[in-house]
Amino acid sequence: MINRRKFIINTVAAGAGLITSNKLLSQVEPEKKEPVIPSQPRYTKGLVISTWKHGLAANEAARKKIENGGSSLDAVESGVMVSEADPKVTSVGYGGLPDRDGRVTLDASIMDEKGNCGSVAFIEHIMHPISVARLVMEKTPHCMITGKGALKFALANGFKKENLLTDESKKRWEDWMKENNYKPDINEIHDTIGMLAIDKAGNLSGACTTSGLAWKYHGRVGDSPIIGAGLYVDNDVGAACATGKGEAVIKICGSFLIVELMRNGISPQKACETAVLRIAAKQRDYSQFQVGFLAVNTSGEIGAFSLQKGFEYALYSDGKNAMHESDYFLKVK
């Protein structure tokens, strides 16, 4: 039997011999870095793109920030706050449809041109979770705070506790409770607002905020507050955001996937299409839900694609703010 002490000594000696026969640890060559792909010419006229019809009003607020010389970060925060405060938008903030327990819980994330990010998940009683997410990014060493901790953090930073359940949303929840077999419209029940922007300095930022899937289990969190799933920004490449069934987006790290595809030279449009195809290839029930992606690269090229018909997005570019409908995967045969 080998003596344990001799075995350890011999092992250490062999390791030391290997080091001295090559280079000292301090002289070992650093790991080779991934080659940097030359960036595209930067778009500096100002651009904002966001999901769904309520993105049109959100774009207006973001546009004003950019046209007045504001940063893309300020633009996306200001923009999505419009949807968060609108009780008619039943998928975001105030007036958002509740979970199955009748409680409105919100998720949000934000990411700037430096790669900084912040998010909150499963937060209640705060109308503007996007602003709390920004404070998480700017005031804490963390990327995400959730639940009661997120509420405590928000209140400690001056946010007001409010009742976010409107009479209309409460009535819809009560009707759902009676029927107990409610099947949501594929494009209406989880239409998160995701927004991407390029400011006049050519810098990109993004924001994503939602009340999540209506009638969800209490405590459920979707893709919106998860960096790399609902939102991702790389100022050297581009940015992407998602809307629709969060679970489907999380499973493929959708926004990160799109940005990495763009890093490898694929256009924003083809990158969005590839992400949707990945969902269709990997998730058998893809015909039963909606997912849509938006993307933009540093040169101002955009992409938009969805699983189902009906995904609309608002685009502000070249002084115009208008609605568009994306192409989609599931064509009627």
Protein backbone atom coordinates (compact mmCIF):
# COMPACT_ATOMS: atom_id res chain seq x y z
CA MET A 1 0.00 0.00 0.00
CA ILE A 2 1.31 3.45 -0.89
CA ASN A 3 2.10 5.65 2.10
CA ARG A 4 -0.36 8.58 2.08
CA ARG A 5 2.27 11.16 3.12
CA LYS A 6 4.70 10.00 0.41
CA PHE A 7 1.91 10.11 -2.17
CA ILE A 8 1.11 13.75 -1.33
CA ILE A 9 4.77 14.76 -1.29
CA ASN A 10 5.46 13.05 -4.61
CA THR A 11 2.37 14.66 -6.18
CA VAL A 12 3.35 18.15 -5.04
CA ALA A 13 6.94 17.60 -6.18
CA ALA A 14 5.78 16.46 -9.60
CA GLY A 15 3.56 19.52 -9.92
CA ALA A 16 6.41 21.79 -8.89
CA GLY A 17 8.69 20.13 -11.42
CA LEU A 18 6.15 20.68 -14.16
CA ILE A 19 5.93 24.39 -13.32
CA THR A 20 9.66 24.95 -13.15
CA SER A 21 10.25 23.05 -16.36
CA ASN A 22 7.97 25.45 -18.18
CA LYS A 23 7.19 28.91 -16.80
CA LEU A 24 6.52 30.28 -13.38
CA LEU A 25 2.80 30.70 -12.68
CA SER A 26 3.16 34.44 -12.86
CA GLN A 27 4.64 34.14 -16.33
CA VAL A 28 2.10 31.78 -17.84
CA GLU A 29 0.55 33.30 -20.94
CA PRO A 30 -2.98 34.61 -20.33
CA GLU A 31 -5.85 32.81 -21.96
CA LYS A 32 -6.41 34.00 -25.49
CA LYS A 33 -9.35 36.37 -25.77
CA GLU A 34 -12.19 36.03 -28.22
CA PRO A 35 -11.44 38.02 -31.37
CA VAL A 36 -13.25 41.33 -31.49
CA ILE A 37 -15.43 41.75 -34.56
CA PRO A 38 -15.12 45.25 -36.06
CA SER A 39 -18.21 47.25 -35.13
CA GLN A 40 -20.61 48.62 -37.70
CA PRO A 41 -20.85 52.38 -38.23
CA ARG A 42 -22.87 53.80 -35.36
CA TYR A 43 -26.36 55.14 -35.92
CA THR A 44 -26.54 58.59 -34.32
CA LYS A 45 -29.87 60.00 -35.46
CA GLY A 46 -31.79 58.46 -32.57
CA LEU A 47 -33.93 55.32 -32.72
CA VAL A 48 -36.52 53.72 -30.44
CA ILE A 49 -38.30 50.42 -30.97
CA SER A 50 -40.83 48.84 -28.61
CA THR A 51 -43.39 46.07 -28.47
CA TRP A 52 -47.16 46.30 -29.09
CA LYS A 53 -49.54 49.20 -29.65
CA HIS A 54 -48.88 50.82 -26.30
CA GLY A 55 -45.29 51.14 -27.49
CA LEU A 56 -46.38 54.04 -29.70
CA ALA A 57 -47.08 56.33 -26.75
CA ALA A 58 -44.03 54.98 -24.93
CA ASN A 59 -41.86 55.79 -27.93
CA GLU A 60 -43.05 59.39 -27.85
CA ALA A 61 -41.71 59.88 -24.34
CA ALA A 62 -38.44 58.16 -25.24
CA ARG A 63 -38.14 60.16 -28.46
CA LYS A 64 -38.38 63.45 -26.58
CA LYS A 65 -35.54 62.44 -24.28
CA ILE A 66 -33.29 61.56 -27.20
CA GLU A 67 -34.15 64.63 -29.27
CA ASN A 68 -33.30 66.80 -26.26
CA GLY A 69 -29.89 65.19 -26.03
CA GLY A 70 -30.75 62.65 -23.34
CA SER A 71 -29.17 59.23 -23.00
CA SER A 72 -30.66 56.02 -24.31
CA LEU A 73 -30.92 54.86 -20.69
CA ASP A 74 -33.07 57.84 -19.72
CA ALA A 75 -35.09 57.32 -22.89
CA VAL A 76 -36.03 53.69 -22.26
CA GLU A 77 -36.87 54.31 -18.63
CA SER A 78 -39.09 57.29 -19.45
CA GLY A 79 -40.67 55.46 -22.34
CA VAL A 80 -41.84 52.32 -20.57
CA MET A 81 -43.03 54.35 -17.58
CA VAL A 82 -45.84 55.57 -19.84
CA SER A 83 -47.15 52.02 -20.20
CA GLU A 84 -46.60 51.29 -16.51
CA ALA A 85 -48.87 54.19 -15.54
CA ASP A 86 -51.61 53.51 -18.10
CA PRO A 87 -54.52 51.54 -16.57
CA LYS A 88 -55.71 50.59 -20.06
CA VAL A 89 -52.55 48.54 -20.60
CA THR A 90 -53.56 45.42 -18.69
CA SER A 91 -50.23 43.65 -19.10
CA VAL A 92 -47.96 46.25 -17.51
CA GLY A 93 -47.88 48.10 -14.17
CA TYR A 94 -51.01 49.87 -12.91
CA GLY A 95 -54.07 48.01 -14.16
CA GLY A 96 -52.10 44.86 -14.93
CA LEU A 97 -54.13 41.66 -14.74
CA PRO A 98 -53.48 39.84 -11.45
CA ASP A 99 -52.32 36.35 -10.63
CA ARG A 100 -54.76 33.60 -9.63
CA ASP A 101 -54.79 34.97 -6.08
CA GLY A 102 -55.96 38.38 -7.32
CA ARG A 103 -52.63 40.11 -6.66
CA VAL A 104 -50.75 42.27 -9.17
CA THR A 105 -47.07 41.31 -9.19
CA LEU A 106 -44.60 43.01 -11.48
CA ASP A 107 -41.24 42.25 -13.13
CA ALA A 108 -38.84 44.68 -14.82
CA SER A 109 -35.27 44.97 -16.04
CA ILE A 110 -33.03 47.64 -17.50
CA MET A 111 -29.58 47.56 -19.11
CA ASP A 112 -27.26 50.35 -20.22
CA GLU A 113 -24.50 50.82 -22.79
CA LYS A 114 -21.79 49.86 -20.29
CA GLY A 115 -23.23 46.43 -19.65
CA ASN A 116 -24.67 47.43 -16.28
CA CYS A 117 -28.06 45.96 -15.47
CA GLY A 118 -30.69 45.83 -12.77
CA SER A 119 -34.00 44.11 -12.28
CA VAL A 120 -36.82 43.47 -9.87
CA ALA A 121 -39.09 40.45 -9.85
CA PHE A 122 -42.32 39.57 -8.05
CA ILE A 123 -42.66 43.09 -6.68
CA GLU A 124 -46.06 44.43 -5.55
CA HIS A 125 -47.57 47.87 -4.92
CA ILE A 126 -45.04 49.89 -6.96
CA MET A 127 -46.32 51.55 -10.14
CA HIS A 128 -42.90 51.99 -11.75
CA PRO A 129 -40.82 48.84 -11.24
CA ILE A 130 -38.54 49.95 -14.09
CA SER A 131 -37.29 52.81 -11.96
CA VAL A 132 -36.70 50.47 -9.04
CA ALA A 133 -34.73 48.21 -11.41
CA ARG A 134 -32.58 51.18 -12.41
CA LEU A 135 -31.85 51.93 -8.76
CA VAL A 136 -30.87 48.31 -8.21
CA MET A 137 -28.38 48.78 -11.05
CA GLU A 138 -27.05 52.13 -9.84
CA LYS A 139 -27.20 51.86 -6.04
CA THR A 140 -26.53 48.23 -5.18
CA PRO A 141 -23.90 45.60 -6.02
CA HIS A 142 -26.71 43.30 -7.20
CA CYS A 143 -28.44 42.61 -10.50
CA MET A 144 -31.81 41.49 -9.14
CA ILE A 145 -33.95 41.97 -6.03
CA THR A 146 -37.24 40.13 -5.61
CA GLY A 147 -40.49 40.04 -3.71
CA LYS A 148 -40.71 41.64 -0.28
CA GLY A 149 -37.05 42.61 -0.48
CA ALA A 150 -37.70 44.55 -3.68
CA LEU A 151 -40.67 46.33 -2.11
CA LYS A 152 -38.65 47.20 0.99
CA PHE A 153 -35.85 48.55 -1.21
CA ALA A 154 -38.31 50.64 -3.24
CA LEU A 155 -39.98 52.15 -0.19
CA ALA A 156 -36.61 52.94 1.37
CA ASN A 157 -35.76 54.88 -1.79
CA GLY A 158 -38.85 57.06 -1.77
CA PHE A 159 -41.32 55.06 -3.85
CA LYS A 160 -44.97 55.15 -2.83
CA LYS A 161 -46.93 52.02 -1.98
CA GLU A 162 -50.08 51.88 -4.13
CA ASN A 163 -52.98 49.62 -5.01
CA LEU A 164 -52.37 48.58 -8.62
CA LEU A 165 -55.51 46.47 -9.08
CA THR A 166 -58.05 48.54 -11.01
CA ASP A 167 -61.77 47.85 -10.96
CA GLU A 168 -61.63 46.58 -14.54
CA SER A 169 -58.81 44.13 -13.88
CA LYS A 170 -60.47 42.96 -10.67
CA LYS A 171 -63.72 42.30 -12.58
CA ARG A 172 -61.88 40.24 -15.20
CA TRP A 173 -60.18 38.22 -12.48
CA GLU A 174 -63.50 37.57 -10.75
CA ASP A 175 -65.03 36.41 -14.05
CA TRP A 176 -62.08 34.08 -14.60
CA MET A 177 -62.53 32.65 -11.12
CA LYS A 178 -66.16 31.82 -11.92
CA GLU A 179 -65.47 30.20 -15.28
CA ASN A 180 -62.26 28.46 -14.25
CA ASN A 181 -61.65 27.45 -17.86
CA TYR A 182 -60.66 30.78 -19.36
CA LYS A 183 -58.37 30.48 -22.37
CA PRO A 184 -56.46 33.72 -23.04
CA ASP A 185 -56.09 35.31 -26.43
CA ILE A 186 -52.67 34.36 -27.71
CA ASN A 187 -51.57 37.96 -28.32
CA GLU A 188 -53.37 39.73 -25.49
CA ILE A 189 -52.72 38.14 -22.16
CA HIS A 190 -48.96 38.66 -21.82
CA ASP A 191 -48.03 41.60 -24.02
CA THR A 192 -45.02 42.91 -22.11
CA ILE A 193 -43.45 46.17 -23.20
CA GLY A 194 -39.84 45.79 -24.22
CA MET A 195 -37.98 48.84 -25.53
CA LEU A 196 -34.60 49.37 -27.18
CA ALA A 197 -33.06 52.74 -27.98
CA ILE A 198 -30.05 54.35 -29.62
CA ASP A 199 -29.23 57.91 -28.58
CA LYS A 200 -27.41 60.58 -30.58
CA ALA A 201 -24.09 59.42 -29.20
CA GLY A 202 -24.76 56.02 -30.76
CA ASN A 203 -25.17 54.27 -27.40
CA LEU A 204 -27.74 51.53 -26.80
CA SER A 205 -29.92 50.74 -23.78
CA GLY A 206 -32.97 48.61 -23.17
CA ALA A 207 -35.86 48.16 -20.75
CA CYS A 208 -38.52 45.55 -20.19
CA THR A 209 -41.47 45.71 -17.78
CA THR A 210 -44.61 43.63 -17.25
CA SER A 211 -47.31 42.39 -14.93
CA GLY A 212 -46.68 38.96 -16.39
CA LEU A 213 -48.99 36.20 -17.45
CA ALA A 214 -52.53 36.78 -16.25
CA TRP A 215 -53.87 34.27 -13.70
CA LYS A 216 -50.33 32.92 -13.13
CA TYR A 217 -49.39 31.05 -9.98
CA HIS A 218 -48.56 33.47 -7.18
CA GLY A 219 -44.78 33.87 -7.25
CA ARG A 220 -44.32 33.07 -10.92
CA VAL A 221 -41.60 35.09 -12.67
CA GLY A 222 -41.28 35.31 -16.44
CA ASP A 223 -38.46 36.30 -18.76
CA SER A 224 -38.80 40.08 -18.44
CA PRO A 225 -36.55 40.60 -15.39
CA ILE A 226 -34.02 37.99 -16.48
CA ILE A 227 -31.03 39.52 -18.24
CA GLY A 228 -30.30 37.46 -21.34
CA ALA A 229 -33.86 36.19 -21.62
CA GLY A 230 -36.27 39.13 -21.85
CA LEU A 231 -33.56 41.73 -22.47
CA TYR A 232 -29.91 41.97 -23.44
CA VAL A 233 -27.70 44.87 -24.56
CA ASP A 234 -24.12 44.85 -25.84
CA ASN A 235 -23.04 48.31 -26.96
CA ASP A 236 -20.45 46.84 -29.35
CA VAL A 237 -23.03 44.72 -31.15
CA GLY A 238 -26.69 45.50 -30.54
CA ALA A 239 -29.66 44.78 -28.31
CA ALA A 240 -32.71 42.55 -28.19
CA CYS A 241 -35.89 42.14 -26.18
CA ALA A 242 -38.74 39.65 -26.02
CA THR A 243 -42.46 39.49 -25.42
CA GLY A 244 -44.93 36.65 -25.09
CA LYS A 245 -44.70 33.43 -23.11
CA GLY A 246 -41.78 34.01 -20.78
CA GLU A 247 -41.10 30.35 -20.09
CA ALA A 248 -40.46 29.74 -23.78
CA VAL A 249 -38.01 32.66 -23.97
CA ILE A 250 -36.15 31.63 -20.82
CA LYS A 251 -35.56 28.13 -22.20
CA ILE A 252 -33.49 29.49 -25.09
CA CYS A 253 -32.00 32.61 -23.43
CA GLY A 254 -33.70 34.43 -26.29
CA SER A 255 -32.34 37.97 -26.17
CA PHE A 256 -28.78 36.87 -25.46
CA LEU A 257 -29.01 34.37 -28.31
CA ILE A 258 -30.04 37.12 -30.73
CA VAL A 259 -27.23 39.46 -29.68
CA GLU A 260 -24.66 36.68 -30.01
CA LEU A 261 -25.95 35.86 -33.48
CA MET A 262 -25.53 39.52 -34.42
CA ARG A 263 -22.01 39.43 -32.95
CA ASN A 264 -21.24 36.76 -35.51
CA GLY A 265 -22.40 38.92 -38.39
CA ILE A 266 -26.04 37.89 -38.70
CA SER A 267 -28.54 40.68 -39.33
CA PRO A 268 -31.03 41.64 -36.61
CA GLN A 269 -33.88 40.27 -38.72
CA LYS A 270 -32.25 36.88 -39.32
CA ALA A 271 -31.23 36.71 -35.67
CA CYS A 272 -34.83 37.18 -34.53
CA GLU A 273 -36.00 34.57 -37.01
CA THR A 274 -33.38 32.12 -35.80
CA ALA A 275 -34.49 32.56 -32.18
CA VAL A 276 -38.11 31.85 -33.10
CA LEU A 277 -37.05 28.79 -35.08
CA ARG A 278 -35.10 27.58 -32.05
CA ILE A 279 -38.29 27.72 -29.98
CA ALA A 280 -40.26 25.86 -32.64
CA ALA A 281 -37.57 23.19 -32.89
CA LYS A 282 -37.19 22.65 -29.16
CA GLN A 283 -40.68 23.19 -27.71
CA ARG A 284 -43.41 20.90 -28.98
CA ASP A 285 -46.32 23.10 -27.93
CA TYR A 286 -45.06 26.15 -29.85
CA SER A 287 -48.32 26.47 -31.81
CA GLN A 288 -50.21 27.15 -28.58
CA PHE A 289 -48.52 30.39 -27.54
CA GLN A 290 -46.98 33.60 -28.82
CA VAL A 291 -43.41 34.88 -28.61
CA GLY A 292 -42.07 37.93 -30.40
CA PHE A 293 -38.56 39.37 -30.59
CA LEU A 294 -37.18 42.78 -31.45
CA ALA A 295 -33.54 43.56 -32.18
CA VAL A 296 -31.36 46.45 -33.29
CA ASN A 297 -27.66 46.66 -34.10
CA THR A 298 -25.26 49.57 -33.72
CA SER A 299 -25.82 50.74 -37.28
CA GLY A 300 -29.55 51.12 -36.70
CA GLU A 301 -30.73 48.03 -38.56
CA ILE A 302 -33.74 46.42 -36.89
CA GLY A 303 -35.30 42.98 -36.69
CA ALA A 304 -38.76 41.75 -35.68
CA PHE A 305 -40.22 38.27 -35.82
CA SER A 306 -42.78 36.17 -33.95
CA LEU A 307 -44.24 32.70 -33.72
CA GLN A 308 -47.82 33.71 -34.44
CA LYS A 309 -49.51 36.38 -36.52
CA GLY A 310 -50.41 39.56 -34.66
CA PHE A 311 -47.16 40.78 -33.12
CA GLU A 312 -46.99 44.54 -33.56
CA TYR A 313 -44.21 46.95 -32.70
CA ALA A 314 -43.68 50.70 -32.67
CA LEU A 315 -40.64 52.19 -34.38
CA TYR A 316 -39.33 55.72 -34.08
CA SER A 317 -36.68 56.39 -36.72
CA ASP A 318 -35.76 59.26 -39.02
CA GLY A 319 -38.24 61.54 -37.26
CA LYS A 320 -41.23 59.21 -37.66
CA ASN A 321 -43.01 57.13 -35.02
CA ALA A 322 -45.24 54.45 -36.51
CA MET A 323 -46.73 51.00 -35.93
CA HIS A 324 -45.63 47.92 -37.85
CA GLU A 325 -46.60 44.25 -37.86
CA SER A 326 -43.85 41.68 -37.85
CA ASP A 327 -43.55 38.67 -40.07
CA TYR A 328 -44.18 35.37 -38.31
CA PHE A 329 -43.41 31.67 -38.37
CA LEU A 330 -46.79 29.95 -38.28
CA LYS A 331 -48.23 30.80 -41.67
CA VAL A 332 -51.75 29.69 -42.55
CA LYS A 333 -51.49 26.78 -44.97
